[in-house]
Protein backbone atom coordinates (compact mmCIF):
# COMPACT_ATOMS: atom_id res chain seq x y z
CA MET A 1 0.02 -0.18 -0.18
CA SER A 2 1.64 3.26 -0.87
CA THR A 3 1.65 6.60 1.04
CA LEU A 4 -1.44 8.91 0.44
CA ILE A 5 -0.10 12.02 -0.38
CA ASP A 6 -3.21 14.51 1.40
CA GLY A 7 -3.54 17.96 -0.64
CA LYS A 8 -5.96 19.15 1.47
CA ALA A 9 -3.22 18.70 4.77
CA VAL A 10 -0.28 20.59 2.68
CA ALA A 11 -2.67 23.55 1.36
CA ALA A 12 -3.66 23.77 4.66
CA LYS A 13 -0.28 24.20 5.84
CA LEU A 14 0.48 27.10 3.17
CA LYS A 15 -2.73 29.02 3.61
CA GLU A 16 -1.93 29.44 7.31
CA GLN A 17 1.64 30.47 6.18
CA LEU A 18 -0.15 32.93 3.84
CA ALA A 19 -2.72 34.40 6.07
CA ASN A 20 0.12 35.20 8.18
CA GLU A 21 2.43 37.03 5.92
CA VAL A 22 -0.60 39.08 4.73
CA SER A 23 -1.65 39.91 8.42
CA SER A 24 2.29 41.61 8.11
CA MET A 25 1.65 43.55 5.14
CA SER A 26 0.77 47.32 5.31
CA LYS A 27 -1.82 46.45 2.52
CA LYS A 28 -3.91 43.51 1.65
CA PRO A 29 -3.10 41.95 -1.41
CA GLY A 30 -6.14 42.03 -4.21
CA LEU A 31 -7.38 39.54 -6.41
CA ALA A 32 -9.77 40.09 -9.19
CA VAL A 33 -11.46 37.52 -10.83
CA ILE A 34 -13.53 38.13 -14.35
CA LEU A 35 -16.22 35.73 -14.80
CA VAL A 36 -18.15 35.38 -18.32
CA GLY A 37 -21.29 33.59 -18.82
CA ASP A 38 -22.95 30.95 -16.71
CA ASP A 39 -21.00 27.64 -16.55
CA PRO A 40 -22.28 26.32 -13.82
CA ALA A 41 -18.67 24.56 -12.48
CA SER A 42 -16.66 28.23 -13.51
CA HIS A 43 -19.27 29.29 -10.78
CA VAL A 44 -18.59 26.90 -8.20
CA TYR A 45 -14.58 27.30 -8.61
CA VAL A 46 -14.87 31.30 -8.64
CA ARG A 47 -17.38 30.99 -4.98
CA ASN A 48 -14.81 28.76 -4.09
CA LYS A 49 -11.71 31.19 -4.70
CA ILE A 50 -13.47 34.19 -2.99
CA LYS A 51 -13.62 32.26 -0.22
CA ALA A 52 -10.37 30.92 -0.07
CA CYS A 53 -9.12 34.95 -0.55
CA GLU A 54 -10.88 35.62 2.66
CA ALA A 55 -9.90 33.22 4.54
CA VAL A 56 -6.14 34.29 4.09
CA GLY A 57 -7.27 38.16 4.33
CA ILE A 58 -6.70 38.61 0.62
CA GLN A 59 -9.40 41.07 -0.79
CA SER A 60 -11.05 39.57 -3.73
CA TYR A 61 -13.01 41.72 -6.69
CA GLU A 62 -15.29 40.24 -9.05
CA THR A 63 -16.68 41.10 -12.56
CA ARG A 64 -19.29 38.89 -13.79
CA LEU A 65 -20.04 39.55 -17.32
CA PRO A 66 -23.10 37.76 -19.15
CA GLU A 67 -22.90 34.19 -21.89
CA ASP A 68 -23.28 37.04 -24.78
CA ALA A 69 -20.22 39.58 -23.82
CA THR A 70 -18.55 40.98 -26.71
CA GLN A 71 -14.84 40.85 -26.70
CA GLN A 72 -14.58 44.48 -26.17
CA ASP A 73 -17.12 44.06 -22.68
CA VAL A 74 -14.16 41.63 -21.29
CA GLU A 75 -11.42 43.55 -22.53
CA GLU A 76 -12.59 46.38 -20.92
CA ALA A 77 -12.92 44.53 -17.62
CA ILE A 78 -9.48 43.64 -17.90
CA THR A 79 -7.88 46.94 -18.79
CA ALA A 80 -9.78 48.38 -15.56
CA PHE A 81 -8.15 45.65 -13.13
CA ASN A 82 -4.90 46.26 -14.97
CA ASN A 83 -4.97 49.94 -14.09
CA ASN A 84 -6.33 49.62 -10.09
CA ALA A 85 -3.49 49.61 -8.18
CA ASP A 86 -5.57 47.88 -5.02
CA VAL A 87 -5.56 44.54 -7.83
CA ASN A 88 -2.41 42.59 -7.37
CA GLY A 89 -4.00 39.85 -8.99
CA ILE A 90 -6.08 39.31 -12.43
CA LEU A 91 -7.88 36.02 -12.94
CA LEU A 92 -9.72 35.16 -16.27
CA GLN A 93 -11.58 31.92 -15.21
CA LEU A 94 -11.44 29.69 -18.36
CA PRO A 95 -13.25 28.32 -20.11
CA VAL A 96 -15.04 31.56 -21.53
CA PRO A 97 -18.30 31.33 -24.01
CA LYS A 98 -17.02 30.16 -27.71
CA HIS A 99 -17.85 33.40 -29.36
CA LEU A 100 -14.82 35.21 -27.40
CA ASP A 101 -11.14 34.85 -28.17
CA SER A 102 -10.02 33.93 -24.74
CA ASP A 103 -6.13 33.59 -26.12
CA ALA A 104 -5.98 37.00 -27.06
CA LEU A 105 -7.44 37.93 -23.46
CA VAL A 106 -5.35 36.34 -21.15
CA GLN A 107 -2.40 37.75 -23.02
CA MET A 108 -3.87 41.33 -22.26
CA ILE A 109 -3.50 40.74 -18.72
CA ASP A 110 -0.94 42.66 -17.08
CA PRO A 111 1.94 39.93 -16.78
CA ALA A 112 2.99 41.36 -13.47
CA LYS A 113 -0.86 40.78 -12.39
CA ASP A 114 -1.02 37.07 -14.45
CA VAL A 115 -1.55 34.85 -11.82
CA ASP A 116 -2.50 32.01 -13.42
CA GLY A 117 0.98 32.51 -15.41
CA LEU A 118 -0.11 32.30 -18.84
CA SER A 119 0.93 35.22 -20.51
CA PHE A 120 4.09 34.77 -22.76
CA ILE A 121 6.67 36.97 -20.66
CA ASN A 122 5.81 34.42 -17.46
CA GLN A 123 5.85 31.26 -19.52
CA GLY A 124 8.90 32.64 -21.34
CA LYS A 125 10.45 33.80 -17.56
CA LEU A 126 9.81 29.69 -16.12
CA VAL A 127 11.64 28.43 -19.59
CA ALA A 128 14.41 30.63 -18.89
CA GLY A 129 14.87 29.53 -14.91
CA ASP A 130 13.64 33.43 -14.22
CA LYS A 131 12.81 33.13 -11.02
CA SER A 132 10.82 36.64 -10.91
CA GLY A 133 7.89 35.38 -13.14
CA LEU A 134 4.88 33.95 -12.05
CA VAL A 135 3.94 30.00 -12.19
CA PRO A 136 0.98 28.22 -13.20
CA CYS A 137 -1.31 27.51 -10.08
CA THR A 138 -1.47 23.63 -10.98
CA PRO A 139 1.78 22.33 -11.96
CA GLN A 140 3.54 24.68 -8.67
CA GLY A 141 1.13 22.84 -6.59
CA SER A 142 2.13 19.21 -8.06
CA LEU A 143 5.73 19.88 -7.49
CA MET A 144 5.19 20.77 -3.77
CA LEU A 145 3.14 17.67 -3.62
CA ILE A 146 5.76 15.38 -5.25
CA LYS A 147 8.21 17.57 -2.84
CA GLU A 148 6.50 16.37 0.27
CA ILE A 149 7.65 12.86 -0.50
CA GLU A 150 11.34 13.27 -2.20
CA GLN A 151 12.89 16.90 -1.38
CA ASP A 152 15.71 15.98 -3.79
CA LEU A 153 14.62 15.17 -7.46
CA SER A 154 17.33 16.03 -8.91
CA GLY A 155 18.45 12.61 -11.73
CA LYS A 156 14.95 11.08 -11.14
CA SER A 157 13.06 10.06 -14.47
CA ALA A 158 9.91 12.08 -14.75
CA VAL A 159 6.86 11.12 -17.28
CA VAL A 160 4.38 14.05 -17.86
CA ILE A 161 1.72 12.81 -19.58
CA GLY A 162 -0.07 15.69 -21.09
CA ARG A 163 1.31 19.08 -22.92
CA SER A 164 -1.15 21.83 -22.40
CA LEU A 165 -0.21 25.25 -21.79
CA LEU A 166 -1.97 25.53 -18.53
CA PHE A 167 -0.06 22.26 -17.36
CA GLY A 168 1.80 20.13 -19.09
CA LYS A 169 4.35 22.30 -20.48
CA PRO A 170 4.94 24.20 -17.67
CA MET A 171 4.85 20.93 -15.27
CA ALA A 172 7.81 19.30 -17.48
CA GLN A 173 9.72 23.25 -17.12
CA LEU A 174 9.24 22.95 -13.39
CA LEU A 175 10.29 19.00 -12.83
CA LEU A 176 13.42 20.28 -15.72
CA ALA A 177 14.53 22.94 -13.07
CA GLU A 178 14.90 20.34 -10.44
CA ASN A 179 17.28 18.20 -12.64
CA CYS A 180 15.12 15.57 -13.21
CA THR A 181 15.26 13.59 -16.89
CA ILE A 182 12.02 14.91 -18.47
CA THR A 183 9.68 12.77 -21.14
CA THR A 184 6.42 14.99 -22.28
CA ALA A 185 3.91 12.21 -23.02
CA HIS A 186 0.73 12.81 -25.02
CA SER A 187 -2.20 11.19 -26.88
CA ARG A 188 0.38 10.90 -30.19
CA THR A 189 3.28 9.02 -28.40
CA GLN A 190 3.89 5.49 -29.56
CA ASN A 191 4.49 2.91 -26.39
CA LEU A 192 2.59 5.13 -24.36
CA GLU A 193 2.38 2.45 -21.15
CA GLU A 194 6.24 1.50 -21.69
CA VAL A 195 6.98 4.86 -21.25
CA CYS A 196 5.61 5.88 -18.36
CA LYS A 197 6.69 2.23 -16.71
CA GLN A 198 10.20 3.94 -16.84
CA ALA A 199 9.27 6.94 -14.23
CA ASP A 200 10.18 7.65 -11.07
CA ILE A 201 7.47 10.28 -11.28
CA LEU A 202 4.39 9.75 -13.19
CA VAL A 203 2.35 12.93 -13.74
CA ALA A 204 -1.18 12.28 -15.45
CA ALA A 205 -3.04 15.43 -16.77
CA VAL A 206 -5.22 13.91 -19.74
CA GLY A 207 -8.60 14.38 -18.98
CA ARG A 208 -9.27 10.47 -19.60
CA ALA A 209 -11.08 8.48 -16.62
CA LYS A 210 -8.80 5.94 -15.03
CA MET A 211 -6.32 5.32 -18.05
CA VAL A 212 -3.45 5.03 -16.02
CA LYS A 213 -3.34 1.39 -15.16
CA ALA A 214 -1.03 -0.59 -12.45
CA SER A 215 0.89 -1.79 -15.61
CA TRP A 216 1.70 1.33 -16.16
CA VAL A 217 3.55 2.24 -13.06
CA LYS A 218 6.77 1.29 -11.82
CA ASP A 219 6.91 -0.12 -8.48
CA GLY A 220 7.43 3.02 -5.64
CA ALA A 221 7.08 5.38 -8.30
CA ILE A 222 5.30 8.73 -7.09
CA VAL A 223 2.10 9.29 -8.95
CA ILE A 224 0.43 12.91 -9.31
CA ASP A 225 -3.15 12.75 -10.95
CA VAL A 226 -4.79 16.09 -12.11
CA GLY A 227 -7.78 14.87 -14.04
CA ILE A 228 -10.99 15.33 -12.74
CA ASN A 229 -13.55 13.00 -14.24
CA ARG A 230 -16.92 13.02 -13.61
CA GLN A 231 -17.71 9.33 -13.71
CA ASP A 232 -21.75 7.75 -14.89
CA ASP A 233 -22.25 7.28 -11.04
CA GLY A 234 -21.79 10.86 -10.36
CA LYS A 235 -18.58 10.22 -8.40
CA LEU A 236 -15.20 12.22 -9.26
CA CYS A 237 -12.15 10.01 -10.32
CA GLY A 238 -8.84 10.81 -11.81
CA ASP A 239 -6.61 9.99 -14.81
CA VAL A 240 -5.26 7.26 -12.69
CA ASP A 241 -7.17 4.09 -11.80
CA PHE A 242 -6.69 4.94 -7.98
CA ASP A 243 -7.55 1.29 -6.45
CA GLU A 244 -5.20 -0.15 -8.86
CA VAL A 245 -2.31 1.64 -8.59
CA LYS A 246 -2.11 2.34 -5.38
CA ASP A 247 -0.59 -0.97 -4.38
CA VAL A 248 2.56 -0.31 -6.68
CA ALA A 249 2.70 2.93 -6.33
CA GLY A 250 5.30 4.73 -3.43
CA ALA A 251 3.05 7.60 -2.91
CA ILE A 252 -0.36 8.74 -4.63
CA THR A 253 -2.48 11.49 -4.75
CA PRO A 254 -6.06 10.93 -4.63
CA VAL A 255 -9.08 12.35 -6.64
CA PRO A 256 -10.74 14.47 -5.50
CA GLY A 257 -8.49 15.84 -2.22
CA GLY A 258 -4.84 15.47 -3.75
CA VAL A 259 -4.28 18.07 -6.17
CA GLY A 260 -7.32 20.29 -6.29
CA PRO A 261 -6.63 21.96 -3.38
CA MET A 262 -3.37 23.10 -4.31
CA THR A 263 -4.27 24.59 -6.96
CA ILE A 264 -6.05 27.30 -5.08
CA ALA A 265 -3.53 27.57 -2.45
CA CYS A 266 -0.80 28.15 -5.32
CA LEU A 267 -3.69 31.08 -6.50
CA LEU A 268 -3.49 32.97 -3.33
CA ALA A 269 0.47 32.48 -2.99
CA ASN A 270 1.31 33.41 -6.32
CA THR A 271 -1.27 36.79 -5.69
CA VAL A 272 1.07 37.40 -2.49
CA GLN A 273 3.79 37.03 -4.36
CA ALA A 274 2.24 39.66 -6.97
CA ALA A 275 1.68 42.09 -4.40
CA LYS A 276 5.38 41.71 -2.96
CA ASN A 277 6.41 42.00 -6.52
CA GLN A 278 4.61 45.34 -7.09
CA HIS A 279 5.46 47.37 -3.89
């Protein structure tokens, strides 16, 4: 039986540190969230983010726009927050309605306030190893969970399944910065099972329920499951077949309760970091 990596506990510890830090700051950091349309999941996420802000003493600002908002409407909301000195971090809740160009909107956010770490400036800083950039929340949180198990990752073989800009690419960069040997696998990778079996650290972020089986996992590997999928019975599961893999892995994150709580905690950490950078 493997070690269960408790994301809730690690996130709670990080939030406590942030609350202490915020209480000693002369000015409260501010996080602005822009929500377009009526996607129910997005509304839940935004509510959770605002609640988390309050818990650590971050001031939250919110702009809600209707489903039929124009590109210009959203651009104006972003510009207003870019120019507002009380706002240190700006988050455009994705996905936005299909008629909007979300990539163009994300790039409009001031890189200093880009707490999702998706602006080209912040992505470039991550690749260059420049520590002054803001790093995407979910990969940052995933790395913290890996470090809960193993502090020194130097020379380890790491496989990241997924190559998205939001997760796969930045995750690979963070592991590379820890001196891992990185393989980025994806839907076109041949012999995916064999590739995964080489990994000391296996990170799955593909959005396919229970895709990673026990036969894919090296004995004693650290397995980070970033997927969140709703099954027919309404229960959530990850991209890893937890019940199978837990007997092979050295350590594994559950879904829910693994990576999810870390994403919001790291969003708060990025907001505090952005506030410190700006003052």
